[in-house]
Amino acid sequence: MLSLKRYGWLCVLGGEVAYVICILGGYLPLRTARGAELHDALLETLPGFTWGNPWSLVLGAVYVFALAWIFGGYMVWMHNTSLVERESRDQTSFNRSSAIGANRG
């Protein structure tokens, strides 16, 4: 079973690293004009984000933090829920086969 605390923090770490790489990549001159437009439009989907504003960069990091926790919580819930159902099914089939084996002997 996955731990929400551990998996949540790993999602935050990955999300924040990707966010910083995207921000730094936004200031590199190695892109085409169309690529720069796409990059700007993608990051501006974060509410309140504007390029070059330091408070906007912090706000974007807060958004990534919150969304990473939501994503991590959902993944842990889905993973652990599927394991609980599978384990209960495996236990039920094991109990049935044990009962059948006991009746034969």
C-alpha atoms as a PDB file:
ATOM      1  CA  MET A   1       0.000   0.000   0.000  1.00  0.00           C
ATOM      2  CA  LEU A   2       1.175   3.493  -0.820  1.00  0.00           C
ATOM      3  CA  SER A   3       1.709   6.075   1.887  1.00  0.00           C
ATOM      4  CA  LEU A   4      -0.122   9.347   1.189  1.00  0.00           C
ATOM      5  CA  LYS A   5       2.513  11.422   2.947  1.00  0.00           C
ATOM      6  CA  ARG A   6       5.467   9.923   1.071  1.00  0.00           C
ATOM      7  CA  TYR A   7       3.779   9.769  -2.337  1.00  0.00           C
ATOM      8  CA  GLY A   8       2.328  13.264  -1.936  1.00  0.00           C
ATOM      9  CA  TRP A   9       5.724  14.780  -1.212  1.00  0.00           C
ATOM     10  CA  LEU A  10       7.281  12.898  -4.131  1.00  0.00           C
ATOM     11  CA  CYS A  11       4.588  14.323  -6.425  1.00  0.00           C
ATOM     12  CA  VAL A  12       5.289  17.811  -5.062  1.00  0.00           C
ATOM     13  CA  LEU A  13       9.016  17.375  -5.645  1.00  0.00           C
ATOM     14  CA  GLY A  14       8.490  16.207  -9.220  1.00  0.00           C
ATOM     15  CA  GLY A  15       5.952  18.933  -9.952  1.00  0.00           C
ATOM     16  CA  GLU A  16       8.121  21.717  -8.563  1.00  0.00           C
ATOM     17  CA  VAL A  17      11.216  20.501 -10.437  1.00  0.00           C
ATOM     18  CA  ALA A  18       9.220  20.400 -13.675  1.00  0.00           C
ATOM     19  CA  TYR A  19       7.817  23.888 -12.923  1.00  0.00           C
ATOM     20  CA  VAL A  20      11.290  25.356 -12.375  1.00  0.00           C
ATOM     21  CA  ILE A  21      12.576  23.719 -15.565  1.00  0.00           C
ATOM     22  CA  CYS A  22       9.623  25.147 -17.503  1.00  0.00           C
ATOM     23  CA  ILE A  23      10.167  28.620 -16.058  1.00  0.00           C
ATOM     24  CA  LEU A  24      13.882  28.540 -16.832  1.00  0.00           C
ATOM     25  CA  GLY A  25      13.144  27.186 -20.311  1.00  0.00           C
ATOM     26  CA  GLY A  26      10.819  30.130 -20.883  1.00  0.00           C
ATOM     27  CA  TYR A  27      13.744  32.517 -20.681  1.00  0.00           C
ATOM     28  CA  LEU A  28      16.051  30.581 -23.023  1.00  0.00           C
ATOM     29  CA  PRO A  29      16.407  32.035 -26.524  1.00  0.00           C
ATOM     30  CA  LEU A  30      16.703  28.571 -28.118  1.00  0.00           C
ATOM     31  CA  ARG A  31      13.074  28.318 -29.237  1.00  0.00           C
ATOM     32  CA  THR A  32      11.141  29.256 -32.315  1.00  0.00           C
ATOM     33  CA  ALA A  33       8.565  32.040 -32.156  1.00  0.00           C
ATOM     34  CA  ARG A  34       5.740  29.492 -32.272  1.00  0.00           C
ATOM     35  CA  GLY A  35       7.348  27.475 -29.464  1.00  0.00           C
ATOM     36  CA  ALA A  36       7.675  30.619 -27.332  1.00  0.00           C
ATOM     37  CA  GLU A  37       4.001  31.473 -27.905  1.00  0.00           C
ATOM     38  CA  LEU A  38       2.934  27.968 -26.937  1.00  0.00           C
ATOM     39  CA  HIS A  39       5.132  27.990 -23.838  1.00  0.00           C
ATOM     40  CA  ASP A  40       3.778  31.366 -22.717  1.00  0.00           C
ATOM     41  CA  ALA A  41       0.181  30.343 -23.344  1.00  0.00           C
ATOM     42  CA  LEU A  42       0.629  27.082 -21.419  1.00  0.00           C
ATOM     43  CA  LEU A  43       2.020  28.715 -18.289  1.00  0.00           C
ATOM     44  CA  GLU A  44      -0.492  31.543 -18.461  1.00  0.00           C
ATOM     45  CA  THR A  45      -3.295  29.016 -17.943  1.00  0.00           C
ATOM     46  CA  LEU A  46      -2.370  29.242 -14.256  1.00  0.00           C
ATOM     47  CA  PRO A  47      -4.721  31.895 -12.827  1.00  0.00           C
ATOM     48  CA  GLY A  48      -2.883  35.125 -12.063  1.00  0.00           C
ATOM     49  CA  PHE A  49       0.365  34.114 -13.785  1.00  0.00           C
ATOM     50  CA  THR A  50       2.221  36.791 -15.754  1.00  0.00           C
ATOM     51  CA  TRP A  51       5.736  36.510 -17.144  1.00  0.00           C
ATOM     52  CA  GLY A  52       8.485  38.417 -15.357  1.00  0.00           C
ATOM     53  CA  ASN A  53       6.547  39.068 -12.154  1.00  0.00           C
ATOM     54  CA  PRO A  54       8.325  37.454  -9.138  1.00  0.00           C
ATOM     55  CA  TRP A  55       5.075  37.144  -7.157  1.00  0.00           C
ATOM     56  CA  SER A  56       3.532  35.411 -10.116  1.00  0.00           C
ATOM     57  CA  LEU A  57       6.326  32.812 -10.063  1.00  0.00           C
ATOM     58  CA  VAL A  58       5.636  32.168  -6.378  1.00  0.00           C
ATOM     59  CA  LEU A  59       1.898  31.915  -7.064  1.00  0.00           C
ATOM     60  CA  GLY A  60       2.595  29.374  -9.821  1.00  0.00           C
ATOM     61  CA  ALA A  61       4.713  27.320  -7.407  1.00  0.00           C
ATOM     62  CA  VAL A  62       1.833  27.357  -4.908  1.00  0.00           C
ATOM     63  CA  TYR A  63      -0.571  26.164  -7.625  1.00  0.00           C
ATOM     64  CA  VAL A  64       1.802  23.345  -8.586  1.00  0.00           C
ATOM     65  CA  PHE A  65       2.155  22.381  -4.910  1.00  0.00           C
ATOM     66  CA  ALA A  66      -1.621  22.172  -4.435  1.00  0.00           C
ATOM     67  CA  LEU A  67      -2.259  20.328  -7.689  1.00  0.00           C
ATOM     68  CA  ALA A  68       0.549  17.851  -6.958  1.00  0.00           C
ATOM     69  CA  TRP A  69      -1.033  17.007  -3.579  1.00  0.00           C
ATOM     70  CA  ILE A  70      -4.431  16.559  -5.206  1.00  0.00           C
ATOM     71  CA  PHE A  71      -2.917  14.300  -7.866  1.00  0.00           C
ATOM     72  CA  GLY A  72      -0.916  12.344  -5.262  1.00  0.00           C
ATOM     73  CA  GLY A  73      -3.961  11.856  -3.062  1.00  0.00           C
ATOM     74  CA  TYR A  74      -6.007  10.605  -5.976  1.00  0.00           C
ATOM     75  CA  MET A  75      -3.307   8.171  -7.106  1.00  0.00           C
ATOM     76  CA  VAL A  76      -2.803   6.791  -3.593  1.00  0.00           C
ATOM     77  CA  TRP A  77      -6.544   6.376  -3.154  1.00  0.00           C
ATOM     78  CA  MET A  78      -6.911   4.583  -6.511  1.00  0.00           C
ATOM     79  CA  HIS A  79      -3.906   2.335  -5.889  1.00  0.00           C
ATOM     80  CA  ASN A  80      -4.823   1.404  -2.319  1.00  0.00           C
ATOM     81  CA  THR A  81      -8.491   0.875  -3.167  1.00  0.00           C
ATOM     82  CA  SER A  82      -7.625  -1.538  -5.959  1.00  0.00           C
ATOM     83  CA  LEU A  83      -5.276  -3.441  -3.640  1.00  0.00           C
ATOM     84  CA  VAL A  84      -7.882  -3.788  -0.899  1.00  0.00           C
ATOM     85  CA  GLU A  85     -10.439  -5.199  -3.340  1.00  0.00           C
ATOM     86  CA  ARG A  86      -7.889  -7.566  -4.868  1.00  0.00           C
ATOM     87  CA  GLU A  87      -6.639  -8.746  -1.471  1.00  0.00           C
ATOM     88  CA  SER A  88     -10.178  -9.408  -0.244  1.00  0.00           C
ATOM     89  CA  ARG A  89     -10.968 -11.363  -3.434  1.00  0.00           C
ATOM     90  CA  ASP A  90      -7.749 -13.374  -3.090  1.00  0.00           C
ATOM     91  CA  GLN A  91      -8.513 -14.081   0.564  1.00  0.00           C
ATOM     92  CA  THR A  92     -12.068 -15.182  -0.299  1.00  0.00           C
ATOM     93  CA  SER A  93     -10.874 -17.547  -3.019  1.00  0.00           C
ATOM     94  CA  PHE A  94      -8.173 -18.893  -0.674  1.00  0.00           C
ATOM     95  CA  ASN A  95     -10.772 -19.560   2.028  1.00  0.00           C
ATOM     96  CA  ARG A  96     -13.019 -21.349  -0.488  1.00  0.00           C
ATOM     97  CA  SER A  97     -10.207 -23.546  -1.757  1.00  0.00           C
ATOM     98  CA  SER A  98      -9.177 -24.355   1.821  1.00  0.00           C
ATOM     99  CA  ALA A  99     -12.757 -25.296   2.668  1.00  0.00           C
ATOM    100  CA  ILE A 100     -13.003 -27.489  -0.424  1.00  0.00           C
ATOM    101  CA  GLY A 101      -9.709 -29.194   0.428  1.00  0.00           C
ATOM    102  CA  ALA A 102     -10.849 -29.770   4.023  1.00  0.00           C
ATOM    103  CA  ASN A 103     -14.101 -31.397   2.851  1.00  0.00           C
ATOM    104  CA  ARG A 104     -12.207 -33.858   0.659  1.00  0.00           C
ATOM    105  CA  GLY A 105      -9.941 -35.093   3.449  1.00  0.00           C
END
